[in-house]
Amino acid sequence: MKRLHVEARINGRRVDFLCEPDQTLLEVLRDELRLAGTKEGCGNGNCGACTVILDGRPVDACLVLAPEIDGRELLTIEGVALPDRLHPLQQQFLEQAALQCGICTPGLIMAAKALLDTIPNPSEEQIRLWLAGNLCRCTGYDKIVRAVQAAAQQVEAHV
């Protein structure tokens, strides 16, 4: 099978790579680009563990073919931290103990970041709705919701 050349901006940097036409974005991120922060959970778009932000919208990397990101902007968990500190979402996930095993954490943070980028001060209902596609088998969701609420206050204070 002929490999395709793909050029995209990933975490603010121009990246180009070769991939198979049927290779998923998740496979390329983890296996080719060594961006292993994006986790594989179910592999069929049901758990949200592999959520990344493509052109400002959260998507499951296991459902996107790698060639589809050609010419586009992609943000993964590796690109979320600020130059000198963690992003408020990352910090609040730690402070609020909103993580345990860590498989779902990157996807939850990415979905929450997409939410805060769209709705800077979301209600609890909006948070739960935006995170509904991300499954966590360890924590329950209350600590996660509290972490997003606290991060929203910090982000809003710095805007």
Protein backbone atom coordinates (compact mmCIF):
# COMPACT_ATOMS: atom_id res chain seq x y z
CA MET A 1 0.00 0.00 0.00
CA LYS A 2 1.31 3.43 -0.90
CA ARG A 3 2.12 5.69 2.05
CA LEU A 4 0.70 9.21 1.99
CA HIS A 5 2.54 12.39 2.89
CA VAL A 6 0.63 14.45 5.47
CA GLU A 7 1.54 17.94 6.65
CA ALA A 8 -0.25 19.51 9.62
CA ARG A 9 0.26 21.81 12.58
CA ILE A 10 0.40 19.69 15.71
CA ASN A 11 0.67 21.46 19.06
CA GLY A 12 1.67 24.65 17.27
CA ARG A 13 4.44 23.10 15.19
CA ARG A 14 4.50 22.16 11.54
CA VAL A 15 4.81 18.39 11.32
CA ASP A 16 4.94 16.14 8.32
CA PHE A 17 4.79 12.36 8.27
CA LEU A 18 4.05 9.37 6.08
CA CYS A 19 1.12 7.10 6.83
CA GLU A 20 -1.01 4.39 5.31
CA PRO A 21 -4.35 5.59 3.86
CA ASP A 22 -6.28 3.55 6.44
CA GLN A 23 -4.11 4.38 9.45
CA THR A 24 -5.93 6.15 12.27
CA LEU A 25 -4.78 9.42 13.75
CA LEU A 26 -4.44 7.62 17.08
CA GLU A 27 -2.02 5.09 15.59
CA VAL A 28 0.09 7.82 13.97
CA LEU A 29 0.17 9.97 17.10
CA ARG A 30 1.29 7.11 19.33
CA ASP A 31 3.37 4.93 17.00
CA GLU A 32 4.86 7.31 14.44
CA LEU A 33 5.02 10.70 16.18
CA ARG A 34 5.63 9.33 19.69
CA LEU A 35 2.90 11.51 21.20
CA ALA A 36 1.78 8.80 23.59
CA GLY A 37 -0.27 11.07 25.86
CA THR A 38 -3.33 10.37 23.73
CA LYS A 39 -4.61 7.06 25.09
CA GLU A 40 -6.38 4.20 23.38
CA GLY A 41 -9.40 3.03 25.30
CA CYS A 42 -12.00 1.30 23.16
CA GLY A 43 -10.75 1.91 19.62
CA ASN A 44 -14.28 2.53 18.33
CA GLY A 45 -15.21 6.02 19.52
CA ASN A 46 -17.23 5.07 22.58
CA CYS A 47 -14.95 6.05 25.47
CA GLY A 48 -13.33 9.39 24.59
CA ALA A 49 -9.89 8.41 25.95
CA CYS A 50 -8.30 9.48 22.65
CA THR A 51 -9.97 12.90 22.42
CA VAL A 52 -7.87 15.52 20.66
CA ILE A 53 -8.82 18.95 19.32
CA LEU A 54 -8.87 19.20 15.52
CA ASP A 55 -9.45 22.68 14.13
CA GLY A 56 -10.93 23.74 17.46
CA ARG A 57 -13.33 20.80 17.83
CA PRO A 58 -12.96 17.72 20.03
CA VAL A 59 -12.71 14.48 18.05
CA ASP A 60 -11.87 10.87 18.84
CA ALA A 61 -8.47 10.16 17.29
CA CYS A 62 -9.43 6.51 16.83
CA LEU A 63 -12.18 7.56 14.39
CA VAL A 64 -10.15 10.02 12.31
CA LEU A 65 -7.95 8.71 9.54
CA ALA A 66 -4.49 10.24 9.72
CA PRO A 67 -4.58 11.56 6.12
CA GLU A 68 -7.64 13.64 7.07
CA ILE A 69 -5.53 16.03 9.14
CA ASP A 70 -3.50 17.18 6.14
CA GLY A 71 -3.36 20.99 6.21
CA ARG A 72 -5.19 21.21 9.53
CA GLU A 73 -4.48 22.24 13.13
CA LEU A 74 -4.32 19.57 15.83
CA LEU A 75 -3.88 19.92 19.59
CA THR A 76 -3.01 16.91 21.74
CA ILE A 77 -2.54 16.67 25.49
CA GLU A 78 1.18 17.32 24.98
CA GLY A 79 0.37 20.80 23.69
CA VAL A 80 -1.97 21.90 26.48
CA ALA A 81 0.52 22.98 29.16
CA LEU A 82 1.55 26.62 29.19
CA PRO A 83 5.23 27.46 28.61
CA ASP A 84 6.00 27.88 32.32
CA ARG A 85 3.31 25.84 34.08
CA LEU A 86 0.47 23.39 33.70
CA HIS A 87 -2.76 24.56 32.11
CA PRO A 88 -5.38 25.33 34.80
CA LEU A 89 -7.30 22.20 33.74
CA GLN A 90 -4.26 20.01 34.32
CA GLN A 91 -3.53 21.72 37.63
CA GLN A 92 -7.12 21.39 38.84
CA PHE A 93 -7.31 17.73 37.87
CA LEU A 94 -4.37 17.23 40.22
CA GLU A 95 -5.63 19.48 43.01
CA GLN A 96 -9.20 18.13 42.91
CA ALA A 97 -8.00 14.48 42.72
CA ALA A 98 -9.99 14.12 39.50
CA LEU A 99 -7.87 11.26 38.20
CA GLN A 100 -6.91 7.77 39.20
CA CYS A 101 -5.63 5.27 36.64
CA GLY A 102 -5.05 8.00 34.04
CA ILE A 103 -6.38 6.29 30.91
CA CYS A 104 -9.31 8.70 30.54
CA THR A 105 -7.55 11.80 31.90
CA PRO A 106 -5.98 13.17 28.68
CA GLY A 107 -9.26 12.78 26.79
CA LEU A 108 -11.23 14.44 29.58
CA ILE A 109 -8.81 17.35 29.72
CA MET A 110 -8.98 17.79 25.95
CA ALA A 111 -12.81 17.71 25.94
CA ALA A 112 -12.86 20.15 28.86
CA LYS A 113 -10.40 22.46 27.08
CA ALA A 114 -12.62 22.48 23.99
CA LEU A 115 -15.53 23.36 26.27
CA LEU A 116 -13.72 26.22 28.00
CA ASP A 117 -12.48 27.52 24.65
CA THR A 118 -16.12 27.64 23.50
CA ILE A 119 -17.96 28.47 26.74
CA PRO A 120 -15.55 30.17 29.18
CA ASN A 121 -17.86 29.95 32.20
CA PRO A 122 -19.95 26.80 31.70
CA SER A 123 -22.70 25.61 34.02
CA GLU A 124 -22.46 22.21 35.68
CA GLU A 125 -25.02 20.92 33.19
CA GLN A 126 -22.92 22.17 30.25
CA ILE A 127 -19.80 20.55 31.69
CA ARG A 128 -21.56 17.21 32.13
CA LEU A 129 -23.00 17.43 28.61
CA TRP A 130 -19.62 18.22 27.00
CA LEU A 131 -17.91 15.40 28.92
CA ALA A 132 -20.67 12.85 28.30
CA GLY A 133 -18.63 11.17 25.55
CA ASN A 134 -15.71 10.54 27.91
CA LEU A 135 -16.00 7.51 30.14
CA CYS A 136 -14.18 7.13 33.44
CA ARG A 137 -14.33 3.83 35.25
CA CYS A 138 -12.39 4.91 38.35
CA THR A 139 -13.29 8.33 39.72
CA GLY A 140 -16.95 8.95 39.18
CA TYR A 141 -17.54 12.35 37.69
CA ASP A 142 -18.11 14.78 40.56
CA LYS A 143 -14.40 15.50 41.11
CA ILE A 144 -13.92 15.91 37.37
CA VAL A 145 -16.78 18.41 37.16
CA ARG A 146 -15.39 20.33 40.16
CA ALA A 147 -11.95 20.42 38.52
CA VAL A 148 -13.41 21.87 35.32
CA GLN A 149 -15.40 24.45 37.32
CA ALA A 150 -12.29 25.53 39.23
CA ALA A 151 -10.22 25.70 36.04
CA ALA A 152 -12.91 27.80 34.37
CA GLN A 153 -12.63 30.35 37.18
CA GLN A 154 -8.83 30.44 36.81
CA VAL A 155 -8.95 30.74 33.01
CA GLU A 156 -11.58 33.47 33.21
CA ALA A 157 -9.48 35.39 35.74
CA HIS A 158 -6.51 35.39 33.33
CA VAL A 159 -8.45 36.47 30.23
